[in-house]
Amino acid sequence: MLLVAAKPPLRVFFFDAEMVILLLIISHCMNILAEKLLVWLFVNH
């Protein structure tokens, strides 16, 4: 009974953690792309 009650919040927590990690990775990639784009624009200006 206790295990069943404890499972859903853990699942929600893990889902949130995955989402946060995913968002961090996406923002990191976007920062790298933006930096490359700025460098490219600066070089080709």
N, C-alpha and C. Protein backbone atom coordinates (compact mmCIF):
# COMPACT_ATOMS: atom_id res chain seq x y z
N MET A 1 0.84 -1.21 0.00
CA MET A 1 0.00 0.00 0.00
C MET A 1 0.88 1.26 0.00
N LEU A 2 1.88 1.26 0.85
CA LEU A 2 2.77 2.42 0.94
C LEU A 2 3.56 2.62 -0.35
N LEU A 3 4.02 1.50 -0.93
CA LEU A 3 4.77 1.56 -2.19
C LEU A 3 3.94 2.17 -3.31
N VAL A 4 2.68 1.72 -3.40
CA VAL A 4 1.78 2.22 -4.44
C VAL A 4 1.54 3.73 -4.25
N ALA A 5 1.43 4.15 -3.00
CA ALA A 5 1.18 5.56 -2.71
C ALA A 5 2.42 6.41 -3.02
N ALA A 6 3.60 5.83 -2.86
CA ALA A 6 4.84 6.58 -3.06
C ALA A 6 5.27 6.65 -4.52
N LYS A 7 4.71 5.76 -5.35
CA LYS A 7 5.18 5.69 -6.74
C LYS A 7 4.84 6.92 -7.60
N PRO A 8 3.59 7.36 -7.63
CA PRO A 8 3.27 8.47 -8.54
C PRO A 8 4.10 9.75 -8.32
N PRO A 9 4.29 10.22 -7.08
CA PRO A 9 5.11 11.43 -6.89
C PRO A 9 6.53 11.26 -7.39
N LEU A 10 7.11 10.05 -7.19
CA LEU A 10 8.46 9.78 -7.68
C LEU A 10 8.49 9.86 -9.20
N ARG A 11 7.48 9.29 -9.83
CA ARG A 11 7.40 9.32 -11.29
C ARG A 11 7.30 10.76 -11.78
N VAL A 12 6.50 11.56 -11.11
CA VAL A 12 6.36 12.97 -11.47
C VAL A 12 7.70 13.69 -11.29
N PHE A 13 8.39 13.39 -10.19
CA PHE A 13 9.68 14.02 -9.92
C PHE A 13 10.69 13.67 -11.01
N PHE A 14 10.74 12.38 -11.37
CA PHE A 14 11.70 11.95 -12.40
C PHE A 14 11.36 12.59 -13.75
N PHE A 15 10.07 12.68 -14.04
CA PHE A 15 9.64 13.31 -15.29
C PHE A 15 10.08 14.78 -15.31
N ASP A 16 9.89 15.47 -14.19
CA ASP A 16 10.31 16.87 -14.09
C ASP A 16 11.82 17.00 -14.26
N ALA A 17 12.58 16.09 -13.64
CA ALA A 17 14.04 16.11 -13.75
C ALA A 17 14.46 15.91 -15.21
N GLU A 18 13.80 14.97 -15.89
CA GLU A 18 14.11 14.74 -17.31
C GLU A 18 13.82 15.98 -18.13
N MET A 19 12.69 16.61 -17.86
CA MET A 19 12.31 17.82 -18.59
C MET A 19 13.31 18.94 -18.36
N VAL A 20 13.75 19.10 -17.11
CA VAL A 20 14.73 20.15 -16.78
C VAL A 20 16.05 19.89 -17.50
N ILE A 21 16.50 18.63 -17.47
CA ILE A 21 17.75 18.26 -18.15
C ILE A 21 17.61 18.52 -19.65
N LEU A 22 16.47 18.13 -20.22
CA LEU A 22 16.22 18.34 -21.64
C LEU A 22 16.26 19.83 -21.98
N LEU A 23 15.62 20.65 -21.16
CA LEU A 23 15.61 22.09 -21.39
C LEU A 23 17.02 22.68 -21.28
N LEU A 24 17.81 22.20 -20.31
CA LEU A 24 19.18 22.66 -20.16
C LEU A 24 20.01 22.33 -21.39
N ILE A 25 19.86 21.09 -21.89
CA ILE A 25 20.60 20.67 -23.08
C ILE A 25 20.19 21.52 -24.28
N ILE A 26 18.89 21.75 -24.44
CA ILE A 26 18.39 22.55 -25.56
C ILE A 26 18.93 23.98 -25.48
N SER A 27 18.87 24.58 -24.31
CA SER A 27 19.35 25.96 -24.15
C SER A 27 20.86 26.04 -24.38
N HIS A 28 21.59 25.00 -23.93
CA HIS A 28 23.04 24.94 -24.14
C HIS A 28 23.34 24.88 -25.64
N CYS A 29 22.63 24.02 -26.36
CA CYS A 29 22.82 23.90 -27.81
C CYS A 29 22.48 25.21 -28.51
N MET A 30 21.41 25.87 -28.07
CA MET A 30 21.01 27.14 -28.66
C MET A 30 22.07 28.21 -28.43
N ASN A 31 22.67 28.22 -27.24
CA ASN A 31 23.74 29.17 -26.95
C ASN A 31 24.93 28.95 -27.87
N ILE A 32 25.32 27.68 -28.07
CA ILE A 32 26.45 27.35 -28.94
C ILE A 32 26.14 27.79 -30.38
N LEU A 33 24.92 27.48 -30.84
CA LEU A 33 24.52 27.86 -32.20
C LEU A 33 24.53 29.38 -32.37
N ALA A 34 24.00 30.09 -31.39
CA ALA A 34 23.96 31.55 -31.45
C ALA A 34 25.38 32.12 -31.48
N GLU A 35 26.27 31.53 -30.68
CA GLU A 35 27.66 31.99 -30.64
C GLU A 35 28.34 31.77 -31.99
N LYS A 36 28.14 30.57 -32.56
CA LYS A 36 28.71 30.25 -33.88
C LYS A 36 28.17 31.22 -34.94
N LEU A 37 26.87 31.49 -34.87
CA LEU A 37 26.24 32.40 -35.83
C LEU A 37 26.82 33.81 -35.71
N LEU A 38 27.00 34.29 -34.48
CA LEU A 38 27.56 35.62 -34.26
C LEU A 38 28.99 35.69 -34.77
N VAL A 39 29.79 34.66 -34.50
CA VAL A 39 31.18 34.61 -34.98
C VAL A 39 31.19 34.61 -36.51
N TRP A 40 30.32 33.80 -37.11
CA TRP A 40 30.24 33.70 -38.57
C TRP A 40 29.86 35.05 -39.18
N LEU A 41 28.88 35.73 -38.57
CA LEU A 41 28.46 37.04 -39.06
C LEU A 41 29.59 38.06 -38.91
N PHE A 42 30.30 37.98 -37.79
CA PHE A 42 31.40 38.92 -37.52
C PHE A 42 32.53 38.71 -38.53
N VAL A 43 32.85 37.44 -38.82
CA VAL A 43 33.93 37.12 -39.76
C VAL A 43 33.55 37.53 -41.18
N ASN A 44 32.30 37.32 -41.56
CA ASN A 44 31.87 37.60 -42.93
C ASN A 44 31.38 39.04 -43.13
N HIS A 45 31.45 39.84 -42.12
CA HIS A 45 30.95 41.20 -42.23
C HIS A 45 31.84 42.05 -43.14
